Amino acid sequence: MTDLAQGTTRSFTGALAYTVLVFTGIVLALMMVTKVTSAKMDYLRVQNSSVITVATAADRERELKCLAQNIYYEAGFEPFEGKVAVAQVTLNRVESGKFPADVCGVIFQKGLIYDKVICQFSWYCENAGTRKPVNPVAYQESMIVAKKVLLEGFRLPSLENALFYHADYVSPRWGLEKIAVIGRHIFYSDKKAI
């Protein structure tokens, strides 16, 4: 082999080795960028998993009105905590997956038992939904509580798992775990009492 051929071969081999190294470096860099991007996307997906739906202003106004009505008719003359408790049970039901997925749906939910219409909240079956509140001060307080609970996330820690309640003058014998008494209402989780 001549010196010229030998030099050309070395030159070609060196260029090939250099090209392979550059190509390998580019592939490794792309793999790292892909890995880092995937990890960042997974992180963001987990961080944003609590964002379920986007509500319009009209949706929020409707939910506020429904929640304020429910507070007014169920606990309008209860102390602040009693109003919050009724609102919180309503939102706990929305979030539970066992009831309708929106505030108004939970409040206006009806069932049929032995040919009798049963409402989740008794005031709705009593046609209060078609009446205007008679006490504007109590209704305004109910609206304030609805805003605090629905929009600001105000909660009573003791009612984190409360899905049911009744007035203290009735005894439905649900057999559920009692978790709190606030004002004239007794609150329960959906767990069976032991």
N, C-alpha and C. Protein backbone atom coordinates (compact mmCIF):
# COMPACT_ATOMS: atom_id res chain seq x y z
N MET A 1 0.84 -1.16 0.00
CA MET A 1 0.00 0.00 0.00
C MET A 1 0.90 1.24 0.00
N THR A 2 0.54 2.19 -0.79
CA THR A 2 1.34 3.40 -0.89
C THR A 2 1.06 4.31 0.27
N ASP A 3 1.95 5.24 0.47
CA ASP A 3 1.77 6.21 1.56
C ASP A 3 0.50 7.04 1.35
N LEU A 4 0.22 7.33 0.11
CA LEU A 4 -0.97 8.12 -0.19
C LEU A 4 -2.23 7.32 0.15
N ALA A 5 -2.28 6.07 -0.22
CA ALA A 5 -3.44 5.23 0.06
C ALA A 5 -3.59 5.00 1.56
N GLN A 6 -2.42 4.79 2.20
CA GLN A 6 -2.45 4.58 3.64
C GLN A 6 -2.95 5.84 4.35
N GLY A 7 -2.55 6.99 3.94
CA GLY A 7 -2.97 8.25 4.53
C GLY A 7 -4.46 8.51 4.28
N THR A 8 -4.92 8.12 3.09
CA THR A 8 -6.33 8.30 2.77
C THR A 8 -7.18 7.39 3.63
N THR A 9 -6.70 6.15 3.85
CA THR A 9 -7.43 5.20 4.68
C THR A 9 -7.51 5.70 6.12
N ARG A 10 -6.36 6.19 6.63
CA ARG A 10 -6.37 6.73 7.99
C ARG A 10 -7.29 7.95 8.09
N SER A 11 -7.25 8.76 7.11
CA SER A 11 -8.08 9.95 7.09
C SER A 11 -9.56 9.56 7.06
N PHE A 12 -9.89 8.56 6.22
CA PHE A 12 -11.27 8.08 6.13
C PHE A 12 -11.71 7.44 7.44
N THR A 13 -10.84 6.62 8.05
CA THR A 13 -11.15 5.95 9.32
C THR A 13 -11.32 6.99 10.43
N GLY A 14 -10.49 7.98 10.47
CA GLY A 14 -10.60 9.05 11.47
C GLY A 14 -11.89 9.84 11.29
N ALA A 15 -12.24 10.14 10.06
CA ALA A 15 -13.46 10.89 9.78
C ALA A 15 -14.69 10.06 10.14
N LEU A 16 -14.61 8.75 9.83
CA LEU A 16 -15.72 7.86 10.17
C LEU A 16 -15.90 7.77 11.68
N ALA A 17 -14.79 7.62 12.40
CA ALA A 17 -14.85 7.54 13.87
C ALA A 17 -15.41 8.84 14.44
N TYR A 18 -14.96 9.97 13.88
CA TYR A 18 -15.46 11.27 14.34
C TYR A 18 -16.96 11.39 14.08
N THR A 19 -17.41 10.97 12.91
CA THR A 19 -18.83 11.03 12.55
C THR A 19 -19.66 10.15 13.47
N VAL A 20 -19.16 8.95 13.77
CA VAL A 20 -19.87 8.03 14.68
C VAL A 20 -19.97 8.66 16.07
N LEU A 21 -18.89 9.25 16.54
CA LEU A 21 -18.91 9.90 17.85
C LEU A 21 -19.91 11.07 17.89
N VAL A 22 -19.90 11.90 16.86
CA VAL A 22 -20.83 13.02 16.81
C VAL A 22 -22.27 12.51 16.76
N PHE A 23 -22.53 11.51 15.91
CA PHE A 23 -23.87 10.94 15.80
C PHE A 23 -24.32 10.35 17.13
N THR A 24 -23.45 9.61 17.81
CA THR A 24 -23.76 9.02 19.11
C THR A 24 -24.05 10.12 20.14
N GLY A 25 -23.27 11.18 20.11
CA GLY A 25 -23.49 12.30 21.02
C GLY A 25 -24.85 12.96 20.80
N ILE A 26 -25.21 13.13 19.52
CA ILE A 26 -26.50 13.73 19.20
C ILE A 26 -27.64 12.83 19.67
N VAL A 27 -27.53 11.52 19.43
CA VAL A 27 -28.57 10.58 19.86
C VAL A 27 -28.70 10.59 21.39
N LEU A 28 -27.58 10.57 22.09
CA LEU A 28 -27.64 10.61 23.56
C LEU A 28 -28.26 11.92 24.06
N ALA A 29 -27.91 13.03 23.43
CA ALA A 29 -28.48 14.32 23.83
C ALA A 29 -30.00 14.33 23.60
N LEU A 30 -30.44 13.82 22.47
CA LEU A 30 -31.88 13.74 22.19
C LEU A 30 -32.59 12.83 23.19
N MET A 31 -31.95 11.71 23.54
CA MET A 31 -32.55 10.81 24.53
C MET A 31 -32.70 11.51 25.88
N MET A 32 -31.69 12.28 26.27
CA MET A 32 -31.76 12.99 27.55
C MET A 32 -32.83 14.07 27.51
N VAL A 33 -32.91 14.81 26.42
CA VAL A 33 -33.95 15.84 26.29
C VAL A 33 -35.33 15.20 26.37
N THR A 34 -35.51 14.07 25.69
CA THR A 34 -36.79 13.37 25.72
C THR A 34 -37.12 12.90 27.14
N LYS A 35 -36.12 12.34 27.82
CA LYS A 35 -36.33 11.85 29.19
C LYS A 35 -36.69 13.00 30.14
N VAL A 36 -35.97 14.09 30.06
CA VAL A 36 -36.23 15.24 30.93
C VAL A 36 -37.61 15.83 30.62
N THR A 37 -37.94 15.96 29.36
CA THR A 37 -39.25 16.50 28.96
C THR A 37 -40.37 15.60 29.45
N SER A 38 -40.22 14.29 29.29
CA SER A 38 -41.25 13.35 29.76
C SER A 38 -41.41 13.45 31.27
N ALA A 39 -40.30 13.53 31.99
CA ALA A 39 -40.37 13.64 33.45
C ALA A 39 -41.08 14.93 33.86
N LYS A 40 -40.77 16.03 33.19
CA LYS A 40 -41.40 17.31 33.50
C LYS A 40 -42.92 17.26 33.20
N MET A 41 -43.29 16.66 32.08
CA MET A 41 -44.70 16.53 31.73
C MET A 41 -45.44 15.66 32.74
N ASP A 42 -44.82 14.56 33.17
CA ASP A 42 -45.44 13.71 34.19
C ASP A 42 -45.63 14.49 35.50
N TYR A 43 -44.62 15.25 35.87
CA TYR A 43 -44.71 16.07 37.08
C TYR A 43 -45.86 17.06 36.98
N LEU A 44 -45.94 17.77 35.87
CA LEU A 44 -47.02 18.74 35.68
C LEU A 44 -48.39 18.07 35.64
N ARG A 45 -48.47 16.89 35.05
CA ARG A 45 -49.74 16.16 34.98
C ARG A 45 -50.22 15.82 36.40
N VAL A 46 -49.31 15.38 37.26
CA VAL A 46 -49.66 15.05 38.64
C VAL A 46 -50.05 16.31 39.40
N GLN A 47 -49.31 17.40 39.20
CA GLN A 47 -49.61 18.65 39.89
C GLN A 47 -50.98 19.19 39.50
N ASN A 48 -51.38 18.99 38.26
CA ASN A 48 -52.65 19.53 37.77
C ASN A 48 -53.78 18.51 37.80
N SER A 49 -53.57 17.35 38.40
CA SER A 49 -54.61 16.33 38.39
C SER A 49 -55.82 16.73 39.22
N SER A 50 -55.64 17.69 40.15
CA SER A 50 -56.79 18.13 40.94
C SER A 50 -57.71 19.06 40.15
N VAL A 51 -57.24 19.56 39.03
CA VAL A 51 -58.07 20.42 38.19
C VAL A 51 -58.93 19.51 37.33
N ILE A 52 -60.22 19.42 37.65
CA ILE A 52 -61.11 18.49 36.97
C ILE A 52 -61.89 19.18 35.87
N THR A 53 -62.53 20.27 36.19
CA THR A 53 -63.34 20.96 35.21
C THR A 53 -63.11 22.45 35.30
N VAL A 54 -63.48 23.12 34.26
CA VAL A 54 -63.42 24.58 34.24
C VAL A 54 -64.85 25.06 34.20
N ALA A 55 -65.18 25.96 35.11
CA ALA A 55 -66.55 26.48 35.19
C ALA A 55 -66.58 27.91 34.67
N THR A 56 -67.65 28.25 34.02
CA THR A 56 -67.83 29.63 33.56
C THR A 56 -68.38 30.46 34.71
N ALA A 57 -68.41 31.76 34.52
CA ALA A 57 -68.98 32.64 35.54
C ALA A 57 -70.46 32.33 35.73
N ALA A 58 -71.15 32.03 34.64
CA ALA A 58 -72.57 31.70 34.74
C ALA A 58 -72.77 30.41 35.54
N ASP A 59 -71.88 29.42 35.33
CA ASP A 59 -71.96 28.17 36.10
C ASP A 59 -71.79 28.45 37.60
N ARG A 60 -70.80 29.27 37.93
CA ARG A 60 -70.54 29.59 39.34
C ARG A 60 -71.71 30.35 39.96
N GLU A 61 -72.28 31.29 39.23
CA GLU A 61 -73.44 32.03 39.73
C GLU A 61 -74.60 31.09 40.03
N ARG A 62 -74.84 30.16 39.12
CA ARG A 62 -75.92 29.18 39.30
C ARG A 62 -75.66 28.31 40.53
N GLU A 63 -74.41 27.83 40.67
CA GLU A 63 -74.05 27.01 41.83
C GLU A 63 -74.18 27.80 43.12
N LEU A 64 -73.74 29.07 43.10
CA LEU A 64 -73.87 29.90 44.30
C LEU A 64 -75.33 30.07 44.70
N LYS A 65 -76.20 30.31 43.73
CA LYS A 65 -77.62 30.48 44.02
C LYS A 65 -78.21 29.19 44.61
N CYS A 66 -77.89 28.05 43.99
CA CYS A 66 -78.39 26.77 44.51
C CYS A 66 -77.89 26.52 45.93
N LEU A 67 -76.58 26.74 46.15
CA LEU A 67 -76.01 26.49 47.46
C LEU A 67 -76.58 27.45 48.51
N ALA A 68 -76.74 28.72 48.16
CA ALA A 68 -77.31 29.69 49.11
C ALA A 68 -78.75 29.30 49.46
N GLN A 69 -79.52 28.85 48.47
CA GLN A 69 -80.89 28.40 48.76
C GLN A 69 -80.87 27.21 49.72
N ASN A 70 -79.98 26.26 49.45
CA ASN A 70 -79.91 25.08 50.31
C ASN A 70 -79.53 25.46 51.73
N ILE A 71 -78.56 26.33 51.87
CA ILE A 71 -78.16 26.79 53.21
C ILE A 71 -79.33 27.50 53.88
N TYR A 72 -79.99 28.38 53.15
CA TYR A 72 -81.10 29.15 53.70
C TYR A 72 -82.22 28.25 54.20
N TYR A 73 -82.65 27.31 53.37
CA TYR A 73 -83.80 26.47 53.74
C TYR A 73 -83.42 25.36 54.73
N GLU A 74 -82.18 24.93 54.74
CA GLU A 74 -81.77 23.86 55.65
C GLU A 74 -81.22 24.40 56.98
N ALA A 75 -80.56 25.56 56.92
CA ALA A 75 -79.87 26.04 58.12
C ALA A 75 -79.88 27.56 58.23
N GLY A 76 -80.87 28.21 57.66
CA GLY A 76 -80.91 29.67 57.61
C GLY A 76 -80.85 30.37 58.95
N PHE A 77 -81.30 29.69 60.00
CA PHE A 77 -81.31 30.32 61.31
C PHE A 77 -80.35 29.61 62.26
N GLU A 78 -79.44 28.84 61.70
CA GLU A 78 -78.38 28.19 62.47
C GLU A 78 -77.21 29.17 62.61
N PRO A 79 -76.28 28.89 63.54
CA PRO A 79 -75.08 29.74 63.63
C PRO A 79 -74.22 29.56 62.36
N PHE A 80 -73.21 30.39 62.23
CA PHE A 80 -72.31 30.35 61.07
C PHE A 80 -71.83 28.93 60.78
N GLU A 81 -71.36 28.21 61.82
CA GLU A 81 -70.84 26.86 61.64
C GLU A 81 -71.91 25.92 61.10
N GLY A 82 -73.15 26.09 61.53
CA GLY A 82 -74.25 25.26 61.04
C GLY A 82 -74.50 25.48 59.56
N LYS A 83 -74.41 26.72 59.13
CA LYS A 83 -74.56 27.02 57.70
C LYS A 83 -73.42 26.43 56.89
N VAL A 84 -72.20 26.60 57.40
CA VAL A 84 -71.03 26.04 56.72
C VAL A 84 -71.16 24.52 56.63
N ALA A 85 -71.64 23.90 57.69
CA ALA A 85 -71.75 22.44 57.72
C ALA A 85 -72.69 21.93 56.63
N VAL A 86 -73.83 22.59 56.44
CA VAL A 86 -74.77 22.19 55.39
C VAL A 86 -74.13 22.36 54.02
N ALA A 87 -73.46 23.49 53.82
CA ALA A 87 -72.78 23.73 52.54
C ALA A 87 -71.70 22.69 52.30
N GLN A 88 -70.96 22.37 53.34
CA GLN A 88 -69.86 21.42 53.20
C GLN A 88 -70.37 20.02 52.86
N VAL A 89 -71.45 19.58 53.47
CA VAL A 89 -72.02 18.28 53.13
C VAL A 89 -72.42 18.26 51.65
N THR A 90 -72.99 19.36 51.19
CA THR A 90 -73.39 19.45 49.78
C THR A 90 -72.16 19.27 48.88
N LEU A 91 -71.08 19.99 49.18
CA LEU A 91 -69.87 19.87 48.35
C LEU A 91 -69.18 18.53 48.53
N ASN A 92 -69.22 17.96 49.74
CA ASN A 92 -68.67 16.62 49.94
C ASN A 92 -69.39 15.62 49.03
N ARG A 93 -70.68 15.78 48.89
CA ARG A 93 -71.45 14.89 48.01
C ARG A 93 -71.03 15.07 46.55
N VAL A 94 -70.84 16.31 46.12
CA VAL A 94 -70.39 16.56 44.75
C VAL A 94 -69.07 15.85 44.49
N GLU A 95 -68.15 15.95 45.45
CA GLU A 95 -66.81 15.40 45.29
C GLU A 95 -66.74 13.89 45.52
N SER A 96 -67.77 13.29 46.09
CA SER A 96 -67.72 11.88 46.47
C SER A 96 -67.82 10.91 45.29
N GLY A 97 -68.45 11.32 44.21
CA GLY A 97 -68.69 10.40 43.10
C GLY A 97 -69.92 9.52 43.32
N LYS A 98 -70.58 9.67 44.45
CA LYS A 98 -71.77 8.86 44.77
C LYS A 98 -73.07 9.63 44.52
N PHE A 99 -72.94 10.89 44.19
CA PHE A 99 -74.06 11.79 43.96
C PHE A 99 -73.80 12.53 42.65
N PRO A 100 -74.75 13.34 42.18
CA PRO A 100 -74.48 14.11 40.97
C PRO A 100 -73.20 14.94 41.10
N ALA A 101 -72.60 15.27 39.98
CA ALA A 101 -71.28 15.90 39.96
C ALA A 101 -71.31 17.42 40.00
N ASP A 102 -72.45 18.02 40.27
CA ASP A 102 -72.49 19.48 40.41
C ASP A 102 -73.41 19.85 41.58
N VAL A 103 -73.22 21.05 42.09
CA VAL A 103 -73.92 21.49 43.29
C VAL A 103 -75.44 21.43 43.13
N CYS A 104 -75.96 22.00 42.05
CA CYS A 104 -77.41 22.03 41.85
C CYS A 104 -77.96 20.61 41.68
N GLY A 105 -77.21 19.76 40.99
CA GLY A 105 -77.64 18.37 40.81
C GLY A 105 -77.78 17.63 42.13
N VAL A 106 -76.85 17.87 43.05
CA VAL A 106 -76.93 17.25 44.38
C VAL A 106 -78.15 17.77 45.12
N ILE A 107 -78.35 19.07 45.10
CA ILE A 107 -79.44 19.68 45.86
C ILE A 107 -80.80 19.26 45.34
N PHE A 108 -80.94 19.17 44.02
CA PHE A 108 -82.24 18.88 43.43
C PHE A 108 -82.45 17.39 43.13
N GLN A 109 -81.54 16.55 43.60
CA GLN A 109 -81.65 15.11 43.35
C GLN A 109 -82.89 14.53 44.04
N LYS A 110 -83.63 13.73 43.29
CA LYS A 110 -84.82 13.07 43.82
C LYS A 110 -84.68 11.57 43.60
N GLY A 111 -85.43 10.81 44.38
CA GLY A 111 -85.50 9.37 44.22
C GLY A 111 -86.94 8.92 44.39
N LEU A 112 -87.19 7.71 44.03
CA LEU A 112 -88.53 7.15 44.17
C LEU A 112 -88.44 5.91 45.04
N ILE A 113 -89.11 5.93 46.19
CA ILE A 113 -89.11 4.79 47.10
C ILE A 113 -90.56 4.45 47.40
N TYR A 114 -90.95 3.23 47.07
CA TYR A 114 -92.33 2.78 47.29
C TYR A 114 -93.34 3.79 46.73
N ASP A 115 -93.12 4.20 45.50
CA ASP A 115 -94.00 5.14 44.79
C ASP A 115 -94.08 6.52 45.45
N LYS A 116 -93.13 6.84 46.28
CA LYS A 116 -93.11 8.15 46.92
C LYS A 116 -91.82 8.87 46.50
N VAL A 117 -91.96 10.13 46.07
CA VAL A 117 -90.80 10.93 45.67
C VAL A 117 -90.08 11.39 46.94
N ILE A 118 -88.80 11.12 46.97
CA ILE A 118 -87.96 11.48 48.10
C ILE A 118 -86.87 12.44 47.60
N CYS A 119 -86.71 13.56 48.27
CA CYS A 119 -85.66 14.51 47.92
C CYS A 119 -84.49 14.35 48.89
N GLN A 120 -83.28 14.64 48.40
CA GLN A 120 -82.11 14.60 49.27
C GLN A 120 -82.22 15.69 50.35
N PHE A 121 -82.81 16.81 49.97
CA PHE A 121 -83.02 17.91 50.91
C PHE A 121 -84.52 18.20 50.93
N SER A 122 -85.13 18.05 52.10
CA SER A 122 -86.59 18.07 52.21
C SER A 122 -87.23 19.36 51.71
N TRP A 123 -86.57 20.48 51.86
CA TRP A 123 -87.17 21.75 51.44
C TRP A 123 -87.51 21.74 49.95
N TYR A 124 -86.72 21.04 49.16
CA TYR A 124 -86.97 21.04 47.73
C TYR A 124 -88.27 20.30 47.40
N CYS A 125 -88.56 19.22 48.11
CA CYS A 125 -89.81 18.49 47.89
C CYS A 125 -91.02 19.29 48.39
N GLU A 126 -90.78 20.21 49.29
CA GLU A 126 -91.87 21.02 49.84
C GLU A 126 -92.12 22.27 49.01
N ASN A 127 -91.63 22.29 47.78
CA ASN A 127 -91.83 23.39 46.83
C ASN A 127 -91.20 24.71 47.24
N ALA A 128 -90.26 24.66 48.14
CA ALA A 128 -89.60 25.91 48.53
C ALA A 128 -88.77 26.46 47.36
N GLY A 129 -88.39 25.60 46.44
CA GLY A 129 -87.60 26.03 45.29
C GLY A 129 -88.34 27.03 44.42
N THR A 130 -89.64 27.07 44.52
CA THR A 130 -90.42 28.01 43.70
C THR A 130 -90.75 29.29 44.46
N ARG A 131 -90.40 29.33 45.74
CA ARG A 131 -90.68 30.52 46.56
C ARG A 131 -89.42 31.36 46.70
N LYS A 132 -89.65 32.63 46.97
CA LYS A 132 -88.52 33.51 47.27
C LYS A 132 -88.30 33.48 48.78
N PRO A 133 -87.04 33.60 49.22
CA PRO A 133 -86.79 33.65 50.67
C PRO A 133 -87.54 34.82 51.31
N VAL A 134 -88.11 34.55 52.48
CA VAL A 134 -88.90 35.57 53.16
C VAL A 134 -88.06 36.43 54.10
N ASN A 135 -86.89 35.96 54.46
CA ASN A 135 -86.02 36.71 55.36
C ASN A 135 -84.75 37.10 54.60
N PRO A 136 -84.70 38.32 54.07
CA PRO A 136 -83.56 38.72 53.25
C PRO A 136 -82.23 38.72 54.00
N VAL A 137 -82.24 39.02 55.29
CA VAL A 137 -81.00 39.01 56.07
C VAL A 137 -80.45 37.59 56.16
N ALA A 138 -81.30 36.63 56.49
CA ALA A 138 -80.86 35.23 56.58
C ALA A 138 -80.40 34.73 55.21
N TYR A 139 -81.08 35.14 54.15
CA TYR A 139 -80.65 34.72 52.81
C TYR A 139 -79.30 35.33 52.46
N GLN A 140 -79.09 36.59 52.80
CA GLN A 140 -77.79 37.23 52.53
C GLN A 140 -76.67 36.53 53.29
N GLU A 141 -76.92 36.17 54.54
CA GLU A 141 -75.92 35.41 55.31
C GLU A 141 -75.65 34.07 54.64
N SER A 142 -76.69 33.43 54.13
CA SER A 142 -76.53 32.15 53.44
C SER A 142 -75.70 32.31 52.17
N MET A 143 -75.88 33.42 51.46
CA MET A 143 -75.09 33.68 50.26
C MET A 143 -73.62 33.92 50.61
N ILE A 144 -73.38 34.63 51.70
CA ILE A 144 -72.00 34.87 52.15
C ILE A 144 -71.31 33.54 52.47
N VAL A 145 -72.01 32.67 53.20
CA VAL A 145 -71.45 31.36 53.53
C VAL A 145 -71.22 30.54 52.26
N ALA A 146 -72.17 30.58 51.33
CA ALA A 146 -72.01 29.85 50.06
C ALA A 146 -70.74 30.29 49.34
N LYS A 147 -70.48 31.59 49.31
CA LYS A 147 -69.27 32.11 48.66
C LYS A 147 -68.01 31.63 49.39
N LYS A 148 -68.04 31.70 50.72
CA LYS A 148 -66.87 31.26 51.49
C LYS A 148 -66.55 29.79 51.25
N VAL A 149 -67.58 28.96 51.22
CA VAL A 149 -67.37 27.52 51.08
C VAL A 149 -67.07 27.15 49.63
N LEU A 150 -67.87 27.64 48.69
CA LEU A 150 -67.71 27.25 47.29
C LEU A 150 -66.50 27.90 46.62
N LEU A 151 -66.33 29.20 46.83
CA LEU A 151 -65.28 29.92 46.11
C LEU A 151 -63.96 30.03 46.86
N GLU A 152 -64.04 30.11 48.19
CA GLU A 152 -62.82 30.29 48.98
C GLU A 152 -62.32 28.99 49.62
N GLY A 153 -63.11 27.93 49.52
CA GLY A 153 -62.68 26.64 50.06
C GLY A 153 -62.73 26.52 51.57
N PHE A 154 -63.50 27.37 52.24
CA PHE A 154 -63.60 27.30 53.71
C PHE A 154 -64.27 25.98 54.10
N ARG A 155 -63.67 25.27 55.06
CA ARG A 155 -64.20 23.98 55.50
C ARG A 155 -64.06 23.84 57.02
N LEU A 156 -64.90 22.99 57.58
CA LEU A 156 -64.79 22.58 58.98
C LEU A 156 -64.07 21.24 58.99
N PRO A 157 -62.90 21.14 59.58
CA PRO A 157 -62.14 19.88 59.54
C PRO A 157 -62.91 18.66 60.04
N SER A 158 -63.77 18.85 61.02
CA SER A 158 -64.51 17.71 61.59
C SER A 158 -65.51 17.11 60.60
N LEU A 159 -65.84 17.84 59.54
CA LEU A 159 -66.84 17.35 58.58
C LEU A 159 -66.23 16.93 57.25
N GLU A 160 -64.95 16.67 57.26
CA GLU A 160 -64.28 16.28 56.01
C GLU A 160 -64.95 15.10 55.32
N ASN A 161 -65.47 14.15 56.10
CA ASN A 161 -66.10 12.95 55.52
C ASN A 161 -67.62 12.92 55.65
N ALA A 162 -68.22 14.03 56.03
CA ALA A 162 -69.67 14.06 56.24
C ALA A 162 -70.41 14.06 54.90
N LEU A 163 -71.34 13.11 54.76
CA LEU A 163 -72.17 13.05 53.55
C LEU A 163 -73.66 13.15 53.87
N PHE A 164 -74.00 13.00 55.14
CA PHE A 164 -75.41 12.99 55.53
C PHE A 164 -75.59 13.78 56.82
N TYR A 165 -76.79 14.28 57.01
CA TYR A 165 -77.15 14.92 58.28
C TYR A 165 -78.67 14.93 58.40
N HIS A 166 -79.12 15.16 59.60
CA HIS A 166 -80.56 15.34 59.84
C HIS A 166 -80.73 16.25 61.05
N ALA A 167 -81.92 16.78 61.18
CA ALA A 167 -82.22 17.63 62.34
C ALA A 167 -82.23 16.78 63.59
N ASP A 168 -81.93 17.40 64.74
CA ASP A 168 -81.85 16.64 65.98
C ASP A 168 -83.21 16.20 66.52
N TYR A 169 -84.28 16.64 65.92
CA TYR A 169 -85.61 16.24 66.38
C TYR A 169 -86.18 15.05 65.60
N VAL A 170 -85.41 14.47 64.67
CA VAL A 170 -85.83 13.25 63.98
C VAL A 170 -84.80 12.16 64.23
N SER A 171 -85.22 10.93 64.04
CA SER A 171 -84.31 9.80 64.26
C SER A 171 -84.47 8.79 63.12
N PRO A 172 -83.74 8.96 62.04
CA PRO A 172 -83.91 8.08 60.88
C PRO A 172 -83.30 6.69 61.04
N ARG A 173 -82.50 6.47 62.06
CA ARG A 173 -81.87 5.16 62.29
C ARG A 173 -81.13 4.65 61.05
N TRP A 174 -80.23 5.48 60.56
CA TRP A 174 -79.47 5.14 59.36
C TRP A 174 -78.41 4.08 59.62
N GLY A 175 -77.95 4.00 60.85
CA GLY A 175 -76.88 3.05 61.16
C GLY A 175 -75.52 3.51 60.65
N LEU A 176 -75.37 4.81 60.44
CA LEU A 176 -74.11 5.37 59.95
C LEU A 176 -73.30 5.94 61.10
N GLU A 177 -72.01 6.12 60.86
CA GLU A 177 -71.11 6.65 61.87
C GLU A 177 -71.39 8.14 62.09
N LYS A 178 -71.75 8.49 63.32
CA LYS A 178 -72.00 9.89 63.68
C LYS A 178 -70.66 10.58 63.89
N ILE A 179 -70.47 11.74 63.25
CA ILE A 179 -69.17 12.40 63.37
C ILE A 179 -69.23 13.80 64.01
N ALA A 180 -70.42 14.42 64.05
CA ALA A 180 -70.49 15.75 64.67
C ALA A 180 -71.94 16.15 64.91
N VAL A 181 -72.09 17.03 65.89
CA VAL A 181 -73.37 17.70 66.12
C VAL A 181 -73.05 19.18 66.08
N ILE A 182 -73.72 19.89 65.16
CA ILE A 182 -73.51 21.33 65.02
C ILE A 182 -74.88 21.99 64.96
N GLY A 183 -75.13 22.88 65.89
CA GLY A 183 -76.45 23.51 65.95
C GLY A 183 -77.51 22.44 66.15
N ARG A 184 -78.53 22.45 65.31
CA ARG A 184 -79.65 21.50 65.43
C ARG A 184 -79.49 20.31 64.49
N HIS A 185 -78.29 20.09 63.94
CA HIS A 185 -78.09 18.99 62.99
C HIS A 185 -77.03 18.00 63.49
N ILE A 186 -77.27 16.74 63.15
CA ILE A 186 -76.34 15.66 63.46
C ILE A 186 -75.76 15.19 62.13
N PHE A 187 -74.43 15.07 62.05
CA PHE A 187 -73.74 14.77 60.81
C PHE A 187 -73.11 13.38 60.85
N TYR A 188 -73.13 12.73 59.67
CA TYR A 188 -72.67 11.35 59.55
C TYR A 188 -71.75 11.18 58.34
N SER A 189 -70.85 10.21 58.46
CA SER A 189 -70.09 9.77 57.29
C SER A 189 -70.93 8.68 56.61
N ASP A 190 -70.42 8.12 55.53
CA ASP A 190 -71.18 7.06 54.87
C ASP A 190 -70.75 5.68 55.36
N LYS A 191 -69.90 5.66 56.40
CA LYS A 191 -69.47 4.39 56.97
C LYS A 191 -70.51 3.88 57.96
N LYS A 192 -70.67 2.58 58.01
CA LYS A 192 -71.59 1.97 58.97
C LYS A 192 -71.04 2.13 60.37
N ALA A 193 -71.92 2.42 61.31
CA ALA A 193 -71.52 2.54 62.72
C ALA A 193 -71.17 1.15 63.25
N ILE A 194 -70.20 1.14 64.12
CA ILE A 194 -69.76 -0.14 64.71
C ILE A 194 -70.43 -0.35 66.03
